[in-house]
Amino acid sequence: MATTPNTATETGNKQALRGVTRGGANAYYEAIDPAIIVNAAATTSGILNLSIGTGTTTFTISGTGGNSSTITGTSTGSNVNGLISALAAGPLSGQTFYVANGGANYLFNTITTIIVPSGAVLTVLSGSGTLPTITAVAITGTNGEAVTYPNYVGTPNAVPTWIDDATVHAYQVGFAGQLVVNNNGTISGANVVQTQVRQIQTNVSETQQYAGYQATYSGNLYQTGQKRTYRQQS
């Protein structure tokens, strides 16, 4: 593999991208295409994190798409579907974008990831209470995309998977911790191997942060219970 290892950059970038996906390589993760995240991270401001605190009630957001929209951010206010509708109606009108959170999730006290076209801008204009913040997430380092996912950018051009996040490309280590070298004593890209370095759970949806899901789930249980009661009485 013709790549020069940069394990610190590769690992850091993979952790940053994993942090905006609501999931990981296990049964709990959201089935989001890793290529969408990787491609967006390699563009200018392609991934934006909208952070809404506990003190936010309503806020107005604008963008490159045109008109601004006002959104409710309280614990029982707008959910992610409401945010998507508001963005499509004004700030990102006519543009293709993706919100990497579930539709039932309330915006209250959350960080919501919005994937936008390269160079698109979102700005919080005003609001009641604590103003939300918008920050860009990007791959760092020179040629960061190739360093982070060399299989994807270079040969054999494999599609990235979240399993890749548990690996890093490094020089092969041999006997007594010594690096494996070529016959002429040099180290080159041919000595690089893909090695597992970590396997941790980073799925934030396992916390109780997603209150909207709990409310939806409870409502469904209540309706199911009503149906069962009706059947028992009839």
C-alpha atoms as a PDB file:
ATOM      1  CA  MET A   1       0.000   0.000   0.000  1.00  0.00           C
ATOM      2  CA  ALA A   2       1.571   3.218  -1.170  1.00  0.00           C
ATOM      3  CA  THR A   3       0.792   5.453   1.774  1.00  0.00           C
ATOM      4  CA  THR A   4       2.871   7.111   4.471  1.00  0.00           C
ATOM      5  CA  PRO A   5       1.509   6.363   7.951  1.00  0.00           C
ATOM      6  CA  ASN A   6       0.309   9.247  10.067  1.00  0.00           C
ATOM      7  CA  THR A   7      -1.433   7.420  12.866  1.00  0.00           C
ATOM      8  CA  ALA A   8      -2.228  10.465  15.005  1.00  0.00           C
ATOM      9  CA  THR A   9      -3.999  12.264  12.155  1.00  0.00           C
ATOM     10  CA  GLU A  10      -5.757   9.139  10.928  1.00  0.00           C
ATOM     11  CA  THR A  11      -7.058   8.161  14.349  1.00  0.00           C
ATOM     12  CA  GLY A  12      -8.071  11.732  15.235  1.00  0.00           C
ATOM     13  CA  ASN A  13      -9.977  12.226  12.002  1.00  0.00           C
ATOM     14  CA  LYS A  14     -11.786   8.915  12.335  1.00  0.00           C
ATOM     15  CA  GLN A  15     -12.837   9.752  15.879  1.00  0.00           C
ATOM     16  CA  ALA A  16     -14.081  13.168  14.746  1.00  0.00           C
ATOM     17  CA  LEU A  17     -16.167  11.654  11.946  1.00  0.00           C
ATOM     18  CA  ARG A  18     -17.510   8.898  14.158  1.00  0.00           C
ATOM     19  CA  GLY A  19     -18.597  11.579  16.607  1.00  0.00           C
ATOM     20  CA  VAL A  20     -21.082  13.057  14.123  1.00  0.00           C
ATOM     21  CA  THR A  21     -22.815   9.837  13.050  1.00  0.00           C
ATOM     22  CA  ARG A  22     -24.854   8.725  16.078  1.00  0.00           C
ATOM     23  CA  GLY A  23     -23.337   5.332  15.817  1.00  0.00           C
ATOM     24  CA  GLY A  24     -20.640   2.797  15.362  1.00  0.00           C
ATOM     25  CA  ALA A  25     -19.954  -0.628  13.960  1.00  0.00           C
ATOM     26  CA  ASN A  26     -22.464  -2.616  16.007  1.00  0.00           C
ATOM     27  CA  ALA A  27     -26.133  -3.510  16.161  1.00  0.00           C
ATOM     28  CA  TYR A  28     -27.138  -0.109  17.557  1.00  0.00           C
ATOM     29  CA  TYR A  29     -25.729   2.199  14.921  1.00  0.00           C
ATOM     30  CA  GLU A  30     -27.721   4.242  12.439  1.00  0.00           C
ATOM     31  CA  ALA A  31     -27.309   2.912   8.903  1.00  0.00           C
ATOM     32  CA  ILE A  32     -25.708   6.013   7.462  1.00  0.00           C
ATOM     33  CA  ASP A  33     -23.438   5.651   4.442  1.00  0.00           C
ATOM     34  CA  PRO A  34     -19.867   6.355   5.610  1.00  0.00           C
ATOM     35  CA  ALA A  35     -18.994   7.699   2.156  1.00  0.00           C
ATOM     36  CA  ILE A  36     -21.456  10.573   2.701  1.00  0.00           C
ATOM     37  CA  ILE A  37     -19.645  11.630   5.882  1.00  0.00           C
ATOM     38  CA  VAL A  38     -16.134  11.148   4.460  1.00  0.00           C
ATOM     39  CA  ASN A  39     -16.893  13.069   1.275  1.00  0.00           C
ATOM     40  CA  ALA A  40     -18.560  15.912   3.163  1.00  0.00           C
ATOM     41  CA  ALA A  41     -15.694  16.180   5.642  1.00  0.00           C
ATOM     42  CA  ALA A  42     -13.243  16.564   2.763  1.00  0.00           C
ATOM     43  CA  THR A  43     -15.105  19.605   1.398  1.00  0.00           C
ATOM     44  CA  THR A  44     -15.185  23.170   2.714  1.00  0.00           C
ATOM     45  CA  SER A  45     -17.615  23.334   5.659  1.00  0.00           C
ATOM     46  CA  GLY A  46     -19.428  20.237   4.412  1.00  0.00           C
ATOM     47  CA  ILE A  47     -20.350  19.079   7.938  1.00  0.00           C
ATOM     48  CA  LEU A  48     -21.911  21.558  10.367  1.00  0.00           C
ATOM     49  CA  ASN A  49     -22.745  20.849  14.019  1.00  0.00           C
ATOM     50  CA  LEU A  50     -25.743  22.761  15.380  1.00  0.00           C
ATOM     51  CA  SER A  51     -25.393  22.871  19.167  1.00  0.00           C
ATOM     52  CA  ILE A  52     -28.540  23.818  21.103  1.00  0.00           C
ATOM     53  CA  GLY A  53     -28.278  24.258  24.860  1.00  0.00           C
ATOM     54  CA  THR A  54     -30.763  24.000  27.702  1.00  0.00           C
ATOM     55  CA  GLY A  55     -31.335  27.769  27.744  1.00  0.00           C
ATOM     56  CA  THR A  56     -32.564  28.037  24.155  1.00  0.00           C
ATOM     57  CA  THR A  57     -36.265  28.656  23.499  1.00  0.00           C
ATOM     58  CA  THR A  58     -36.492  29.850  19.898  1.00  0.00           C
ATOM     59  CA  PHE A  59     -33.907  30.902  17.337  1.00  0.00           C
ATOM     60  CA  THR A  60     -33.772  32.185  13.781  1.00  0.00           C
ATOM     61  CA  ILE A  61     -31.358  30.642  11.296  1.00  0.00           C
ATOM     62  CA  SER A  62     -30.362  31.836   7.821  1.00  0.00           C
ATOM     63  CA  GLY A  63     -28.259  30.365   5.042  1.00  0.00           C
ATOM     64  CA  THR A  64     -27.098  30.506   1.465  1.00  0.00           C
ATOM     65  CA  GLY A  65     -30.458  29.169   0.265  1.00  0.00           C
ATOM     66  CA  GLY A  66     -32.306  32.410   0.961  1.00  0.00           C
ATOM     67  CA  ASN A  67     -34.967  33.218   3.545  1.00  0.00           C
ATOM     68  CA  SER A  68     -34.470  32.622   7.257  1.00  0.00           C
ATOM     69  CA  SER A  69     -36.544  30.289   9.447  1.00  0.00           C
ATOM     70  CA  THR A  70     -37.493  30.376  13.119  1.00  0.00           C
ATOM     71  CA  ILE A  71     -37.197  27.153  15.117  1.00  0.00           C
ATOM     72  CA  THR A  72     -38.284  26.171  18.644  1.00  0.00           C
ATOM     73  CA  GLY A  73     -35.544  24.553  20.692  1.00  0.00           C
ATOM     74  CA  THR A  74     -37.252  23.717  23.985  1.00  0.00           C
ATOM     75  CA  SER A  75     -37.503  20.194  25.374  1.00  0.00           C
ATOM     76  CA  THR A  76     -41.003  19.758  23.926  1.00  0.00           C
ATOM     77  CA  GLY A  77     -40.459  21.940  20.865  1.00  0.00           C
ATOM     78  CA  SER A  78     -39.195  21.184  17.392  1.00  0.00           C
ATOM     79  CA  ASN A  79     -37.710  17.812  16.572  1.00  0.00           C
ATOM     80  CA  VAL A  80     -35.237  16.959  13.833  1.00  0.00           C
ATOM     81  CA  ASN A  81     -38.000  16.612  11.252  1.00  0.00           C
ATOM     82  CA  GLY A  82     -39.084  20.157  12.083  1.00  0.00           C
ATOM     83  CA  LEU A  83     -35.519  21.374  11.623  1.00  0.00           C
ATOM     84  CA  ILE A  84     -35.292  19.660   8.223  1.00  0.00           C
ATOM     85  CA  SER A  85     -38.544  21.289   7.084  1.00  0.00           C
ATOM     86  CA  ALA A  86     -37.411  24.707   8.306  1.00  0.00           C
ATOM     87  CA  LEU A  87     -34.039  24.441   6.546  1.00  0.00           C
ATOM     88  CA  ALA A  88     -35.648  23.271   3.305  1.00  0.00           C
ATOM     89  CA  ALA A  89     -38.124  26.155   3.412  1.00  0.00           C
ATOM     90  CA  GLY A  90     -35.472  28.862   3.626  1.00  0.00           C
ATOM     91  CA  PRO A  91     -31.826  28.617   4.728  1.00  0.00           C
ATOM     92  CA  LEU A  92     -31.034  25.634   2.472  1.00  0.00           C
ATOM     93  CA  SER A  93     -33.835  26.025  -0.050  1.00  0.00           C
ATOM     94  CA  GLY A  94     -33.092  24.336  -3.365  1.00  0.00           C
ATOM     95  CA  GLN A  95     -29.996  22.575  -1.991  1.00  0.00           C
ATOM     96  CA  THR A  96     -29.382  18.935  -1.178  1.00  0.00           C
ATOM     97  CA  PHE A  97     -28.562  18.416   2.500  1.00  0.00           C
ATOM     98  CA  TYR A  98     -28.702  15.632   5.064  1.00  0.00           C
ATOM     99  CA  VAL A  99     -29.336  15.675   8.830  1.00  0.00           C
ATOM    100  CA  ALA A 100     -27.530  12.828  10.604  1.00  0.00           C
ATOM    101  CA  ASN A 101     -29.946  12.425  13.510  1.00  0.00           C
ATOM    102  CA  GLY A 102     -33.177  10.507  13.913  1.00  0.00           C
ATOM    103  CA  GLY A 103     -36.425  12.271  13.095  1.00  0.00           C
ATOM    104  CA  ALA A 104     -38.028  11.856  16.542  1.00  0.00           C
ATOM    105  CA  ASN A 105     -35.166  13.512  18.412  1.00  0.00           C
ATOM    106  CA  TYR A 106     -35.936  16.819  20.130  1.00  0.00           C
ATOM    107  CA  LEU A 107     -33.471  19.621  19.445  1.00  0.00           C
ATOM    108  CA  PHE A 108     -33.306  20.581  23.116  1.00  0.00           C
ATOM    109  CA  ASN A 109     -29.833  20.138  24.651  1.00  0.00           C
ATOM    110  CA  THR A 110     -28.416  18.306  21.626  1.00  0.00           C
ATOM    111  CA  ILE A 111     -25.783  18.579  18.913  1.00  0.00           C
ATOM    112  CA  THR A 112     -27.334  17.947  15.507  1.00  0.00           C
ATOM    113  CA  THR A 113     -25.122  17.277  12.487  1.00  0.00           C
ATOM    114  CA  ILE A 114     -26.099  18.846   9.170  1.00  0.00           C
ATOM    115  CA  ILE A 115     -24.312  17.789   5.977  1.00  0.00           C
ATOM    116  CA  VAL A 116     -24.459  20.569   3.400  1.00  0.00           C
ATOM    117  CA  PRO A 117     -23.042  21.222  -0.085  1.00  0.00           C
ATOM    118  CA  SER A 118     -19.468  22.468  -0.146  1.00  0.00           C
ATOM    119  CA  GLY A 119     -19.297  26.132   0.792  1.00  0.00           C
ATOM    120  CA  ALA A 120     -22.906  26.375   2.001  1.00  0.00           C
ATOM    121  CA  VAL A 121     -23.349  28.625   5.024  1.00  0.00           C
ATOM    122  CA  LEU A 122     -25.735  28.474   7.981  1.00  0.00           C
ATOM    123  CA  THR A 123     -25.878  31.319  10.505  1.00  0.00           C
ATOM    124  CA  VAL A 124     -27.872  31.800  13.710  1.00  0.00           C
ATOM    125  CA  LEU A 125     -29.242  35.348  13.459  1.00  0.00           C
ATOM    126  CA  SER A 126     -31.107  35.837  16.716  1.00  0.00           C
ATOM    127  CA  GLY A 127     -33.090  34.017  19.361  1.00  0.00           C
ATOM    128  CA  SER A 128     -34.631  33.902  22.809  1.00  0.00           C
ATOM    129  CA  GLY A 129     -32.436  32.573  25.564  1.00  0.00           C
ATOM    130  CA  THR A 130     -29.002  31.128  24.851  1.00  0.00           C
ATOM    131  CA  LEU A 131     -28.121  31.329  21.168  1.00  0.00           C
ATOM    132  CA  PRO A 132     -27.194  28.025  19.499  1.00  0.00           C
ATOM    133  CA  THR A 133     -23.782  27.721  17.859  1.00  0.00           C
ATOM    134  CA  ILE A 134     -22.769  26.278  14.495  1.00  0.00           C
ATOM    135  CA  THR A 135     -19.299  24.813  14.018  1.00  0.00           C
ATOM    136  CA  ALA A 136     -17.722  23.074  11.032  1.00  0.00           C
ATOM    137  CA  VAL A 137     -16.275  19.555  11.230  1.00  0.00           C
ATOM    138  CA  ALA A 138     -13.487  18.745   8.781  1.00  0.00           C
ATOM    139  CA  ILE A 139     -10.716  16.256   8.141  1.00  0.00           C
ATOM    140  CA  THR A 140      -7.381  17.722   9.203  1.00  0.00           C
ATOM    141  CA  GLY A 141      -3.873  17.364   7.869  1.00  0.00           C
ATOM    142  CA  THR A 142      -2.292  17.601   4.439  1.00  0.00           C
ATOM    143  CA  ASN A 143      -4.316  15.419   2.074  1.00  0.00           C
ATOM    144  CA  GLY A 144      -6.334  14.385   5.110  1.00  0.00           C
ATOM    145  CA  GLU A 145      -8.892  12.289   3.269  1.00  0.00           C
ATOM    146  CA  ALA A 146      -6.218  10.052   1.739  1.00  0.00           C
ATOM    147  CA  VAL A 147      -4.426   9.755   5.083  1.00  0.00           C
ATOM    148  CA  THR A 148      -7.622   8.899   6.949  1.00  0.00           C
ATOM    149  CA  TYR A 149      -9.127   6.469   4.433  1.00  0.00           C
ATOM    150  CA  PRO A 150      -6.314   5.406   2.090  1.00  0.00           C
ATOM    151  CA  ASN A 151      -8.297   2.362   0.939  1.00  0.00           C
ATOM    152  CA  TYR A 152     -11.076   4.671  -0.202  1.00  0.00           C
ATOM    153  CA  VAL A 153      -9.047   7.397  -1.893  1.00  0.00           C
ATOM    154  CA  GLY A 154      -6.339   5.150  -3.361  1.00  0.00           C
ATOM    155  CA  THR A 155      -6.030   1.589  -4.586  1.00  0.00           C
ATOM    156  CA  PRO A 156      -8.184  -0.519  -4.447  1.00  0.00           C
ATOM    157  CA  ASN A 157     -10.775   2.273  -4.047  1.00  0.00           C
ATOM    158  CA  ALA A 158     -12.866   0.319  -1.554  1.00  0.00           C
ATOM    159  CA  VAL A 159     -15.938   2.004  -0.098  1.00  0.00           C
ATOM    160  CA  PRO A 160     -15.231   3.134   3.491  1.00  0.00           C
ATOM    161  CA  THR A 161     -17.011   1.374   6.337  1.00  0.00           C
ATOM    162  CA  TRP A 162     -17.282   2.209  10.015  1.00  0.00           C
ATOM    163  CA  ILE A 163     -15.268  -0.935  10.695  1.00  0.00           C
ATOM    164  CA  ASP A 164     -12.336   1.043   9.278  1.00  0.00           C
ATOM    165  CA  ASP A 165     -12.594   3.347  12.277  1.00  0.00           C
ATOM    166  CA  ALA A 166     -11.222   0.585  14.496  1.00  0.00           C
ATOM    167  CA  THR A 167      -8.060   0.367  12.389  1.00  0.00           C
ATOM    168  CA  VAL A 168      -5.048   2.488  11.548  1.00  0.00           C
ATOM    169  CA  HIS A 169      -2.390   2.203   8.860  1.00  0.00           C
ATOM    170  CA  ALA A 170       1.084   1.818  10.345  1.00  0.00           C
ATOM    171  CA  TYR A 171       4.459   0.320   9.557  1.00  0.00           C
ATOM    172  CA  GLN A 172       4.556  -3.412  10.225  1.00  0.00           C
ATOM    173  CA  VAL A 173       6.132  -4.382  13.534  1.00  0.00           C
ATOM    174  CA  GLY A 174       8.162  -7.569  13.730  1.00  0.00           C
ATOM    175  CA  PHE A 175      10.367  -9.390  16.247  1.00  0.00           C
ATOM    176  CA  ALA A 176      11.181  -7.560  19.493  1.00  0.00           C
ATOM    177  CA  GLY A 177       9.111  -4.561  18.412  1.00  0.00           C
ATOM    178  CA  GLN A 178      11.385  -3.746  15.495  1.00  0.00           C
ATOM    179  CA  LEU A 179       9.914  -2.349  12.288  1.00  0.00           C
ATOM    180  CA  VAL A 180       9.905  -4.707   9.315  1.00  0.00           C
ATOM    181  CA  VAL A 181      12.253  -3.365   6.637  1.00  0.00           C
ATOM    182  CA  ASN A 182      12.946  -4.128   2.991  1.00  0.00           C
ATOM    183  CA  ASN A 183      15.878  -6.263   1.868  1.00  0.00           C
ATOM    184  CA  ASN A 184      17.940  -3.114   1.405  1.00  0.00           C
ATOM    185  CA  GLY A 185      17.180  -1.956   4.953  1.00  0.00           C
ATOM    186  CA  THR A 186      14.718   0.788   3.994  1.00  0.00           C
ATOM    187  CA  ILE A 187      11.087   1.291   5.005  1.00  0.00           C
ATOM    188  CA  SER A 188       8.528   2.128   2.315  1.00  0.00           C
ATOM    189  CA  GLY A 189       4.821   2.024   1.604  1.00  0.00           C
ATOM    190  CA  ALA A 190       5.122  -1.700   1.015  1.00  0.00           C
ATOM    191  CA  ASN A 191       5.734  -2.116   4.751  1.00  0.00           C
ATOM    192  CA  VAL A 192       2.424  -0.513   5.723  1.00  0.00           C
ATOM    193  CA  VAL A 193      -0.300  -2.712   7.180  1.00  0.00           C
ATOM    194  CA  GLN A 194      -3.835  -2.012   8.371  1.00  0.00           C
ATOM    195  CA  THR A 195      -4.029  -2.905  12.048  1.00  0.00           C
ATOM    196  CA  GLN A 196      -6.818  -2.842  14.619  1.00  0.00           C
ATOM    197  CA  VAL A 197      -6.016  -0.267  17.267  1.00  0.00           C
ATOM    198  CA  ARG A 198      -9.283   0.176  19.139  1.00  0.00           C
ATOM    199  CA  GLN A 199     -12.810  -1.174  19.369  1.00  0.00           C
ATOM    200  CA  ILE A 200     -14.932   1.084  21.540  1.00  0.00           C
ATOM    201  CA  GLN A 201     -18.587   2.013  21.702  1.00  0.00           C
ATOM    202  CA  THR A 202     -19.204   5.634  20.727  1.00  0.00           C
ATOM    203  CA  ASN A 203     -22.929   5.516  20.043  1.00  0.00           C
ATOM    204  CA  VAL A 204     -24.413   8.531  21.857  1.00  0.00           C
ATOM    205  CA  SER A 205     -27.940   7.238  21.279  1.00  0.00           C
ATOM    206  CA  GLU A 206     -27.336   4.746  24.095  1.00  0.00           C
ATOM    207  CA  THR A 207     -27.683   7.654  26.539  1.00  0.00           C
ATOM    208  CA  GLN A 208     -30.973   9.286  27.480  1.00  0.00           C
ATOM    209  CA  GLN A 209     -30.100  12.391  25.454  1.00  0.00           C
ATOM    210  CA  TYR A 210     -32.715  11.521  22.840  1.00  0.00           C
ATOM    211  CA  ALA A 211     -35.825  12.379  24.829  1.00  0.00           C
ATOM    212  CA  GLY A 212     -37.977  12.537  21.708  1.00  0.00           C
ATOM    213  CA  TYR A 213     -37.446   8.870  21.029  1.00  0.00           C
ATOM    214  CA  GLN A 214     -38.516   7.987  24.565  1.00  0.00           C
ATOM    215  CA  ALA A 215     -41.684  10.038  24.190  1.00  0.00           C
ATOM    216  CA  THR A 216     -42.518   8.440  20.832  1.00  0.00           C
ATOM    217  CA  TYR A 217     -41.825   4.945  22.123  1.00  0.00           C
ATOM    218  CA  SER A 218     -43.969   5.486  25.213  1.00  0.00           C
ATOM    219  CA  GLY A 219     -46.826   6.789  23.058  1.00  0.00           C
ATOM    220  CA  ASN A 220     -46.696   3.728  20.836  1.00  0.00           C
ATOM    221  CA  LEU A 221     -46.787   1.453  23.873  1.00  0.00           C
ATOM    222  CA  TYR A 222     -49.833   3.309  25.222  1.00  0.00           C
ATOM    223  CA  GLN A 223     -51.713   2.979  21.919  1.00  0.00           C
ATOM    224  CA  THR A 224     -50.857  -0.716  21.725  1.00  0.00           C
ATOM    225  CA  GLY A 225     -52.151  -1.178  25.243  1.00  0.00           C
ATOM    226  CA  GLN A 226     -55.429   0.528  24.305  1.00  0.00           C
ATOM    227  CA  LYS A 227     -55.876  -1.853  21.378  1.00  0.00           C
ATOM    228  CA  ARG A 228     -55.237  -4.884  23.577  1.00  0.00           C
ATOM    229  CA  THR A 229     -57.755  -3.631  26.156  1.00  0.00           C
ATOM    230  CA  TYR A 230     -60.345  -3.158  23.419  1.00  0.00           C
ATOM    231  CA  ARG A 231     -59.849  -6.702  22.174  1.00  0.00           C
ATOM    232  CA  GLN A 232     -60.204  -8.096  25.687  1.00  0.00           C
ATOM    233  CA  GLN A 233     -63.487  -6.237  26.230  1.00  0.00           C
ATOM    234  CA  SER A 234     -65.068  -7.186  22.919  1.00  0.00           C
END
